[in-house]
Amino acid sequence: AMTALAVAVMRSAGAAWAEALPEIHQQGSVAYISGGIGSDETDALALVKKDYNLYLTSTDSTGHYLGGSRIIITDKTKQVLIYVVAHGPLFYANLPAGRYMIESFNAAASKKQTVTIASGKASRVHFNWPASTADSVPAPVAVVPATLPVEPTIISPDPITIP
């Protein structure tokens, strides 16, 4: 559902911007958008960035943007609010004020970071991945406990279905 204001903004910004803006998604009460593949998409995301209060960026150790990371956001009660594969290196979400755990998987690596969202303020999270994960194949679901060593060369040959 698009508001009249959004339609007016898109018309005034021109058709090229409207085509470049990735789709806005909703999981439960949380709105999010991801993308940033190419300058048109990155520019379009910059225009709507103010509508979100969590900015997550994924790059490799050489500074190149990485897309395709699986992102899981849980609240302080460990309830999963977001479980998604990002469509690009930029992921913006609009979360209620509170403390969250953000977990990201890229190829066979995973990282976790807690973030506090304060009312009226945006929080930034940057995941920096080793260059070896730059193939951006999503990890084989979060069934491997973080305490076990992860062998980065083994990716499950079976297709994985995310509900």
N, C-alpha and C. Protein backbone atom coordinates (compact mmCIF):
# COMPACT_ATOMS: atom_id res chain seq x y z
N ALA A 1 0.84 -1.18 0.00
CA ALA A 1 0.00 0.00 0.00
C ALA A 1 0.88 1.23 0.00
N MET A 2 0.68 2.08 -1.00
CA MET A 2 1.52 3.26 -1.13
C MET A 2 0.71 4.49 -0.76
N THR A 3 1.28 5.36 0.04
CA THR A 3 0.55 6.56 0.44
C THR A 3 0.57 7.58 -0.68
N ALA A 4 -0.35 8.51 -0.65
CA ALA A 4 -0.41 9.58 -1.66
C ALA A 4 0.88 10.40 -1.64
N LEU A 5 1.42 10.59 -0.45
CA LEU A 5 2.66 11.35 -0.33
C LEU A 5 3.80 10.63 -1.06
N ALA A 6 3.90 9.33 -0.86
CA ALA A 6 4.96 8.56 -1.54
C ALA A 6 4.81 8.65 -3.05
N VAL A 7 3.56 8.57 -3.53
CA VAL A 7 3.31 8.66 -4.97
C VAL A 7 3.73 10.04 -5.47
N ALA A 8 3.36 11.09 -4.72
CA ALA A 8 3.72 12.45 -5.11
C ALA A 8 5.24 12.63 -5.13
N VAL A 9 5.92 12.09 -4.12
CA VAL A 9 7.38 12.19 -4.06
C VAL A 9 8.00 11.47 -5.24
N MET A 10 7.48 10.28 -5.55
CA MET A 10 8.03 9.52 -6.67
C MET A 10 7.81 10.25 -8.00
N ARG A 11 6.62 10.86 -8.17
CA ARG A 11 6.35 11.60 -9.41
C ARG A 11 7.28 12.79 -9.52
N SER A 12 7.46 13.51 -8.42
CA SER A 12 8.30 14.71 -8.46
C SER A 12 9.78 14.35 -8.64
N ALA A 13 10.17 13.17 -8.19
CA ALA A 13 11.57 12.77 -8.30
C ALA A 13 11.88 12.21 -9.68
N GLY A 14 10.85 11.86 -10.44
CA GLY A 14 11.08 11.37 -11.79
C GLY A 14 11.02 9.86 -11.86
N ALA A 15 10.75 9.37 -13.05
CA ALA A 15 10.54 7.93 -13.26
C ALA A 15 11.80 7.11 -13.00
N ALA A 16 12.96 7.67 -13.32
CA ALA A 16 14.20 6.89 -13.15
C ALA A 16 14.41 6.52 -11.69
N TRP A 17 14.14 7.48 -10.78
CA TRP A 17 14.30 7.19 -9.36
C TRP A 17 13.29 6.15 -8.92
N ALA A 18 12.05 6.26 -9.38
CA ALA A 18 11.00 5.31 -8.97
C ALA A 18 11.38 3.89 -9.38
N GLU A 19 11.96 3.74 -10.56
CA GLU A 19 12.37 2.40 -11.01
C GLU A 19 13.55 1.88 -10.20
N ALA A 20 14.41 2.77 -9.76
CA ALA A 20 15.63 2.34 -9.06
C ALA A 20 15.38 1.99 -7.60
N LEU A 21 14.27 2.48 -7.01
CA LEU A 21 14.03 2.23 -5.59
C LEU A 21 13.64 0.78 -5.36
N PRO A 22 14.42 0.06 -4.55
CA PRO A 22 14.04 -1.32 -4.23
C PRO A 22 12.71 -1.36 -3.48
N GLU A 23 12.07 -2.50 -3.52
CA GLU A 23 10.77 -2.67 -2.88
C GLU A 23 10.89 -2.56 -1.37
N ILE A 24 9.91 -1.88 -0.75
CA ILE A 24 9.85 -1.79 0.70
C ILE A 24 9.10 -3.03 1.20
N HIS A 25 9.67 -3.72 2.17
CA HIS A 25 9.09 -4.95 2.70
C HIS A 25 8.63 -4.75 4.14
N GLN A 26 7.81 -5.65 4.61
CA GLN A 26 7.31 -5.60 5.97
C GLN A 26 7.36 -7.02 6.55
N GLN A 27 7.95 -7.19 7.73
CA GLN A 27 7.85 -8.45 8.47
C GLN A 27 7.29 -8.07 9.83
N GLY A 28 6.09 -8.53 10.10
CA GLY A 28 5.42 -8.13 11.34
C GLY A 28 5.22 -6.63 11.34
N SER A 29 5.71 -5.95 12.38
CA SER A 29 5.55 -4.50 12.48
C SER A 29 6.76 -3.75 11.94
N VAL A 30 7.75 -4.47 11.40
CA VAL A 30 9.01 -3.84 11.00
C VAL A 30 9.08 -3.66 9.48
N ALA A 31 9.24 -2.42 9.05
CA ALA A 31 9.44 -2.12 7.63
C ALA A 31 10.93 -2.13 7.35
N TYR A 32 11.32 -2.67 6.18
CA TYR A 32 12.74 -2.65 5.81
C TYR A 32 12.87 -2.58 4.30
N ILE A 33 14.06 -2.18 3.88
CA ILE A 33 14.37 -2.10 2.46
C ILE A 33 15.83 -2.48 2.32
N SER A 34 16.19 -3.15 1.24
CA SER A 34 17.60 -3.49 1.03
C SER A 34 17.93 -3.37 -0.44
N GLY A 35 19.20 -3.15 -0.71
CA GLY A 35 19.65 -2.99 -2.09
C GLY A 35 21.00 -2.32 -2.10
N GLY A 36 21.18 -1.42 -3.06
CA GLY A 36 22.45 -0.72 -3.19
C GLY A 36 23.34 -1.32 -4.25
N ILE A 37 22.73 -2.07 -5.18
CA ILE A 37 23.51 -2.62 -6.29
C ILE A 37 23.43 -1.59 -7.42
N GLY A 38 24.54 -0.95 -7.70
CA GLY A 38 24.57 0.09 -8.73
C GLY A 38 24.27 1.46 -8.13
N SER A 39 24.72 2.51 -8.83
CA SER A 39 24.59 3.86 -8.28
C SER A 39 23.15 4.34 -8.26
N ASP A 40 22.31 3.94 -9.22
CA ASP A 40 20.91 4.38 -9.22
C ASP A 40 20.19 3.90 -7.97
N GLU A 41 20.40 2.61 -7.64
CA GLU A 41 19.75 2.04 -6.46
C GLU A 41 20.29 2.67 -5.19
N THR A 42 21.60 2.88 -5.14
CA THR A 42 22.23 3.50 -3.97
C THR A 42 21.71 4.92 -3.77
N ASP A 43 21.58 5.68 -4.86
CA ASP A 43 21.05 7.05 -4.78
C ASP A 43 19.60 7.04 -4.33
N ALA A 44 18.80 6.11 -4.87
CA ALA A 44 17.39 6.01 -4.48
C ALA A 44 17.25 5.68 -2.99
N LEU A 45 18.10 4.77 -2.50
CA LEU A 45 18.06 4.42 -1.07
C LEU A 45 18.46 5.61 -0.21
N ALA A 46 19.40 6.42 -0.67
CA ALA A 46 19.84 7.59 0.09
C ALA A 46 18.66 8.56 0.31
N LEU A 47 17.76 8.63 -0.67
CA LEU A 47 16.61 9.54 -0.56
C LEU A 47 15.58 9.08 0.47
N VAL A 48 15.50 7.77 0.74
CA VAL A 48 14.52 7.26 1.71
C VAL A 48 15.16 6.86 3.04
N LYS A 49 16.47 7.03 3.15
CA LYS A 49 17.20 6.60 4.34
C LYS A 49 16.62 7.20 5.62
N LYS A 50 16.17 8.45 5.55
CA LYS A 50 15.64 9.15 6.73
C LYS A 50 14.38 8.49 7.29
N ASP A 51 13.73 7.62 6.49
CA ASP A 51 12.52 6.93 6.95
C ASP A 51 12.84 5.72 7.84
N TYR A 52 14.14 5.42 8.01
CA TYR A 52 14.56 4.23 8.76
C TYR A 52 15.50 4.64 9.89
N ASN A 53 15.61 3.77 10.92
CA ASN A 53 16.48 4.12 12.05
C ASN A 53 17.58 3.09 12.30
N LEU A 54 17.69 2.09 11.42
CA LEU A 54 18.81 1.15 11.48
C LEU A 54 19.42 1.08 10.09
N TYR A 55 20.72 1.37 10.01
CA TYR A 55 21.44 1.32 8.74
C TYR A 55 22.51 0.25 8.85
N LEU A 56 22.34 -0.82 8.09
CA LEU A 56 23.30 -1.92 8.12
C LEU A 56 24.02 -1.97 6.77
N THR A 57 25.33 -2.00 6.81
CA THR A 57 26.15 -2.05 5.60
C THR A 57 27.08 -3.26 5.67
N SER A 58 27.24 -3.95 4.54
CA SER A 58 28.16 -5.09 4.47
C SER A 58 29.22 -4.81 3.41
N THR A 59 30.49 -4.94 3.83
CA THR A 59 31.60 -4.80 2.89
C THR A 59 32.60 -5.93 3.15
N ASP A 60 33.49 -6.15 2.17
CA ASP A 60 34.57 -7.09 2.43
C ASP A 60 35.79 -6.32 2.93
N SER A 61 36.84 -7.04 3.26
CA SER A 61 38.01 -6.41 3.88
C SER A 61 38.70 -5.42 2.96
N THR A 62 38.41 -5.46 1.66
CA THR A 62 39.00 -4.50 0.72
C THR A 62 38.11 -3.28 0.54
N GLY A 63 36.93 -3.25 1.23
CA GLY A 63 36.04 -2.11 1.15
C GLY A 63 34.95 -2.23 0.10
N HIS A 64 34.93 -3.35 -0.64
CA HIS A 64 33.88 -3.54 -1.64
C HIS A 64 32.57 -3.92 -0.97
N TYR A 65 31.49 -3.35 -1.46
CA TYR A 65 30.15 -3.70 -0.97
C TYR A 65 29.85 -5.16 -1.24
N LEU A 66 29.17 -5.81 -0.30
CA LEU A 66 28.75 -7.21 -0.46
C LEU A 66 27.25 -7.32 -0.27
N GLY A 67 26.60 -7.98 -1.20
CA GLY A 67 25.17 -8.25 -1.07
C GLY A 67 24.95 -9.71 -0.74
N GLY A 68 23.70 -10.09 -0.55
CA GLY A 68 23.36 -11.49 -0.35
C GLY A 68 23.54 -12.01 1.06
N SER A 69 23.82 -11.16 2.02
CA SER A 69 23.95 -11.63 3.40
C SER A 69 22.59 -11.98 3.97
N ARG A 70 22.54 -13.04 4.76
CA ARG A 70 21.31 -13.35 5.50
C ARG A 70 21.35 -12.53 6.78
N ILE A 71 20.24 -11.87 7.09
CA ILE A 71 20.17 -11.00 8.26
C ILE A 71 19.05 -11.47 9.17
N ILE A 72 19.39 -11.64 10.45
CA ILE A 72 18.40 -12.02 11.46
C ILE A 72 18.45 -10.95 12.56
N ILE A 73 17.31 -10.34 12.85
CA ILE A 73 17.25 -9.35 13.92
C ILE A 73 16.30 -9.88 14.99
N THR A 74 16.81 -9.98 16.22
CA THR A 74 15.99 -10.44 17.34
C THR A 74 15.92 -9.36 18.40
N ASP A 75 14.81 -9.34 19.14
CA ASP A 75 14.66 -8.36 20.22
C ASP A 75 15.20 -8.94 21.52
N LYS A 76 15.05 -8.19 22.61
CA LYS A 76 15.65 -8.61 23.89
C LYS A 76 15.03 -9.90 24.43
N THR A 77 13.83 -10.28 23.95
CA THR A 77 13.21 -11.54 24.39
C THR A 77 13.59 -12.69 23.45
N LYS A 78 14.53 -12.42 22.54
CA LYS A 78 15.02 -13.39 21.55
C LYS A 78 13.98 -13.74 20.48
N GLN A 79 12.94 -12.90 20.36
CA GLN A 79 11.95 -13.09 19.31
C GLN A 79 12.53 -12.56 18.00
N VAL A 80 12.43 -13.37 16.93
CA VAL A 80 12.94 -12.97 15.62
C VAL A 80 11.97 -11.97 14.98
N LEU A 81 12.48 -10.77 14.69
CA LEU A 81 11.66 -9.74 14.04
C LEU A 81 11.88 -9.73 12.54
N ILE A 82 13.12 -9.98 12.12
CA ILE A 82 13.48 -9.98 10.71
C ILE A 82 14.33 -11.22 10.43
N TYR A 83 14.00 -11.91 9.35
CA TYR A 83 14.82 -13.02 8.86
C TYR A 83 14.76 -12.94 7.35
N VAL A 84 15.82 -12.43 6.74
CA VAL A 84 15.77 -12.09 5.32
C VAL A 84 17.15 -12.20 4.70
N VAL A 85 17.19 -12.41 3.40
CA VAL A 85 18.44 -12.30 2.65
C VAL A 85 18.43 -10.91 2.01
N ALA A 86 19.42 -10.10 2.35
CA ALA A 86 19.49 -8.73 1.82
C ALA A 86 19.74 -8.76 0.32
N HIS A 87 19.07 -7.87 -0.40
CA HIS A 87 19.21 -7.80 -1.86
C HIS A 87 20.41 -6.98 -2.29
N GLY A 88 21.19 -6.52 -1.35
CA GLY A 88 22.36 -5.72 -1.67
C GLY A 88 23.14 -5.44 -0.41
N PRO A 89 24.15 -4.58 -0.50
CA PRO A 89 25.01 -4.30 0.66
C PRO A 89 24.38 -3.37 1.69
N LEU A 90 23.30 -2.70 1.32
CA LEU A 90 22.64 -1.76 2.23
C LEU A 90 21.32 -2.35 2.69
N PHE A 91 21.09 -2.30 4.00
CA PHE A 91 19.85 -2.81 4.58
C PHE A 91 19.39 -1.78 5.60
N TYR A 92 18.19 -1.23 5.40
CA TYR A 92 17.64 -0.25 6.32
C TYR A 92 16.36 -0.82 6.92
N ALA A 93 16.19 -0.66 8.22
CA ALA A 93 14.97 -1.12 8.89
C ALA A 93 14.48 -0.02 9.81
N ASN A 94 13.20 -0.06 10.11
CA ASN A 94 12.61 0.89 11.05
C ASN A 94 12.12 0.08 12.26
N LEU A 95 12.85 0.18 13.37
CA LEU A 95 12.57 -0.61 14.56
C LEU A 95 12.07 0.28 15.70
N PRO A 96 11.21 -0.27 16.56
CA PRO A 96 10.85 0.49 17.76
C PRO A 96 12.09 0.68 18.65
N ALA A 97 12.07 1.71 19.48
CA ALA A 97 13.19 1.94 20.40
C ALA A 97 13.41 0.68 21.23
N GLY A 98 14.68 0.31 21.44
CA GLY A 98 14.99 -0.88 22.22
C GLY A 98 16.36 -1.44 21.85
N ARG A 99 16.67 -2.60 22.44
CA ARG A 99 17.95 -3.27 22.19
C ARG A 99 17.72 -4.50 21.33
N TYR A 100 18.58 -4.68 20.33
CA TYR A 100 18.42 -5.78 19.37
C TYR A 100 19.74 -6.49 19.14
N MET A 101 19.64 -7.77 18.76
CA MET A 101 20.80 -8.53 18.32
C MET A 101 20.67 -8.66 16.81
N ILE A 102 21.72 -8.26 16.11
CA ILE A 102 21.73 -8.41 14.66
C ILE A 102 22.76 -9.46 14.33
N GLU A 103 22.31 -10.49 13.60
CA GLU A 103 23.20 -11.56 13.19
C GLU A 103 23.20 -11.59 11.68
N SER A 104 24.38 -11.68 11.10
CA SER A 104 24.49 -11.70 9.64
C SER A 104 25.36 -12.87 9.22
N PHE A 105 24.98 -13.51 8.13
CA PHE A 105 25.73 -14.65 7.58
C PHE A 105 26.10 -14.31 6.15
N ASN A 106 27.35 -14.55 5.79
CA ASN A 106 27.79 -14.32 4.43
C ASN A 106 28.72 -15.47 4.08
N ALA A 107 28.35 -16.25 3.05
CA ALA A 107 29.08 -17.49 2.73
C ALA A 107 29.10 -18.35 4.00
N ALA A 108 30.25 -18.78 4.48
CA ALA A 108 30.29 -19.67 5.64
C ALA A 108 30.63 -18.92 6.93
N ALA A 109 30.65 -17.61 6.88
CA ALA A 109 30.99 -16.83 8.07
C ALA A 109 29.73 -16.21 8.67
N SER A 110 29.77 -15.94 9.98
CA SER A 110 28.65 -15.23 10.61
C SER A 110 29.20 -14.23 11.61
N LYS A 111 28.45 -13.16 11.81
CA LYS A 111 28.83 -12.13 12.78
C LYS A 111 27.59 -11.69 13.52
N LYS A 112 27.80 -11.26 14.77
CA LYS A 112 26.70 -10.77 15.60
C LYS A 112 27.09 -9.42 16.17
N GLN A 113 26.08 -8.56 16.31
CA GLN A 113 26.32 -7.28 16.97
C GLN A 113 25.03 -6.82 17.62
N THR A 114 25.15 -6.32 18.86
CA THR A 114 23.97 -5.75 19.50
C THR A 114 23.89 -4.28 19.12
N VAL A 115 22.67 -3.78 19.05
CA VAL A 115 22.47 -2.37 18.71
C VAL A 115 21.31 -1.85 19.55
N THR A 116 21.44 -0.60 19.98
CA THR A 116 20.36 0.05 20.71
C THR A 116 19.76 1.11 19.80
N ILE A 117 18.45 1.04 19.62
CA ILE A 117 17.73 2.05 18.84
C ILE A 117 17.10 3.01 19.84
N ALA A 118 17.52 4.26 19.78
CA ALA A 118 16.95 5.29 20.66
C ALA A 118 15.88 6.04 19.89
N SER A 119 14.86 6.49 20.57
CA SER A 119 13.76 7.21 19.94
C SER A 119 14.28 8.45 19.20
N GLY A 120 13.93 8.57 17.93
CA GLY A 120 14.32 9.73 17.14
C GLY A 120 15.75 9.74 16.65
N LYS A 121 16.49 8.63 16.86
CA LYS A 121 17.89 8.57 16.43
C LYS A 121 18.11 7.33 15.57
N ALA A 122 19.06 7.43 14.65
CA ALA A 122 19.40 6.29 13.81
C ALA A 122 20.66 5.62 14.34
N SER A 123 20.74 4.29 14.18
CA SER A 123 21.93 3.53 14.57
C SER A 123 22.52 2.87 13.35
N ARG A 124 23.85 2.83 13.32
CA ARG A 124 24.55 2.22 12.18
C ARG A 124 25.28 0.96 12.62
N VAL A 125 25.22 -0.07 11.77
CA VAL A 125 25.96 -1.30 12.01
C VAL A 125 26.69 -1.63 10.71
N HIS A 126 27.98 -1.91 10.83
CA HIS A 126 28.77 -2.25 9.65
C HIS A 126 29.38 -3.63 9.85
N PHE A 127 29.08 -4.53 8.92
CA PHE A 127 29.70 -5.85 8.95
C PHE A 127 30.80 -5.88 7.90
N ASN A 128 32.02 -6.20 8.34
CA ASN A 128 33.17 -6.28 7.46
C ASN A 128 33.56 -7.74 7.34
N TRP A 129 33.50 -8.29 6.13
CA TRP A 129 33.73 -9.71 5.89
C TRP A 129 35.10 -9.95 5.28
N PRO A 130 35.71 -11.10 5.59
CA PRO A 130 36.96 -11.46 4.90
C PRO A 130 36.70 -11.53 3.40
N ALA A 131 37.70 -11.20 2.61
CA ALA A 131 37.54 -11.21 1.15
C ALA A 131 37.11 -12.58 0.63
N SER A 132 37.45 -13.66 1.35
CA SER A 132 37.10 -15.01 0.90
C SER A 132 35.60 -15.27 0.89
N THR A 133 34.81 -14.43 1.59
CA THR A 133 33.36 -14.64 1.61
C THR A 133 32.67 -13.83 0.52
N ALA A 134 33.45 -13.21 -0.35
CA ALA A 134 32.89 -12.30 -1.35
C ALA A 134 32.05 -12.99 -2.41
N ASP A 135 31.98 -14.33 -2.40
CA ASP A 135 31.10 -15.00 -3.36
C ASP A 135 29.65 -14.77 -2.97
N SER A 136 29.40 -14.26 -1.78
CA SER A 136 28.08 -13.90 -1.24
C SER A 136 27.02 -14.98 -1.41
N VAL A 137 27.42 -16.23 -1.20
CA VAL A 137 26.45 -17.32 -1.12
C VAL A 137 25.91 -17.32 0.30
N PRO A 138 24.59 -17.26 0.49
CA PRO A 138 24.07 -17.24 1.85
C PRO A 138 24.50 -18.49 2.64
N ALA A 139 24.71 -18.33 3.91
CA ALA A 139 25.16 -19.43 4.76
C ALA A 139 24.08 -20.50 4.86
N PRO A 140 24.48 -21.75 5.14
CA PRO A 140 23.49 -22.82 5.30
C PRO A 140 22.72 -22.71 6.61
N VAL A 141 21.80 -21.80 6.71
CA VAL A 141 20.92 -21.58 7.87
C VAL A 141 21.67 -21.65 9.19
N ALA A 142 21.10 -21.06 10.22
CA ALA A 142 21.78 -20.92 11.50
C ALA A 142 21.61 -22.15 12.38
N VAL A 143 21.98 -23.32 11.88
CA VAL A 143 21.86 -24.52 12.71
C VAL A 143 23.19 -24.87 13.37
N VAL A 144 24.29 -24.28 12.90
CA VAL A 144 25.60 -24.56 13.48
C VAL A 144 25.80 -23.65 14.69
N PRO A 145 25.96 -24.21 15.89
CA PRO A 145 26.20 -23.35 17.06
C PRO A 145 27.46 -22.52 16.86
N ALA A 146 27.44 -21.30 17.35
CA ALA A 146 28.56 -20.38 17.16
C ALA A 146 29.85 -20.91 17.78
N THR A 147 29.76 -21.87 18.69
CA THR A 147 30.96 -22.38 19.37
C THR A 147 31.72 -23.39 18.51
N LEU A 148 31.07 -23.94 17.48
CA LEU A 148 31.74 -24.92 16.64
C LEU A 148 32.58 -24.22 15.59
N PRO A 149 33.75 -24.79 15.24
CA PRO A 149 34.53 -24.17 14.17
C PRO A 149 33.77 -24.31 12.85
N VAL A 150 33.81 -23.26 12.04
CA VAL A 150 33.13 -23.29 10.75
C VAL A 150 34.18 -23.43 9.67
N GLU A 151 34.02 -24.41 8.80
CA GLU A 151 34.94 -24.62 7.69
C GLU A 151 34.42 -23.86 6.48
N PRO A 152 35.07 -22.77 6.09
CA PRO A 152 34.51 -21.90 5.06
C PRO A 152 34.38 -22.53 3.67
N THR A 153 35.07 -23.62 3.40
CA THR A 153 35.00 -24.18 2.05
C THR A 153 33.84 -25.13 1.87
N ILE A 154 33.15 -25.52 2.94
CA ILE A 154 32.06 -26.47 2.82
C ILE A 154 30.73 -25.74 2.83
N ILE A 155 30.05 -25.80 1.71
CA ILE A 155 28.71 -25.23 1.61
C ILE A 155 27.79 -26.40 1.30
N SER A 156 26.65 -26.46 1.96
CA SER A 156 25.72 -27.56 1.77
C SER A 156 25.31 -27.66 0.31
N PRO A 157 25.44 -28.84 -0.31
CA PRO A 157 25.05 -28.98 -1.72
C PRO A 157 23.52 -29.04 -1.87
N ASP A 158 22.80 -29.27 -0.78
CA ASP A 158 21.35 -29.38 -0.87
C ASP A 158 20.71 -28.00 -0.86
N PRO A 159 19.66 -27.82 -1.65
CA PRO A 159 18.98 -26.52 -1.61
C PRO A 159 18.37 -26.28 -0.24
N ILE A 160 18.40 -25.06 0.21
CA ILE A 160 17.87 -24.72 1.52
C ILE A 160 16.64 -23.84 1.31
N THR A 161 15.53 -24.23 1.91
CA THR A 161 14.30 -23.47 1.76
C THR A 161 14.05 -22.67 3.02
N ILE A 162 13.92 -21.37 2.85
CA ILE A 162 13.62 -20.49 3.98
C ILE A 162 12.10 -20.24 3.94
N PRO A 163 11.39 -20.51 5.02
CA PRO A 163 9.94 -20.29 4.99
C PRO A 163 9.61 -18.80 4.82
